[in-house]
Amino acid sequence: MGNGAWTGGATCKYIEENGAPAGNLTIGPALPQTLASIFCLPKTSSVLANGVIDLPRPGAVTLQGTADLVP
């Protein structure tokens, strides 16, 4: 949960990000969840920055927290 992996360098061939749903929010207390997203980091207008950061390239983020349904 909340881990990710990618392979392929600037020519990405595979990317995976794993989230976890909170489950049934209509009963009980707040439940843990993990939100996950993948995206592309595009080139910038700076050739120097692109070379140092190796842009363009894939990016990924996870956010862990809790969710609760409030009436």
Foldseek 3Di string as FASTA:
>chain_A
DQDWDWDDQQPTDDIDGDKADQPDQPDDDWGKIKDKDKDWDADDPDPVVCVVVVPGDIDMGMDIDTDHDDD
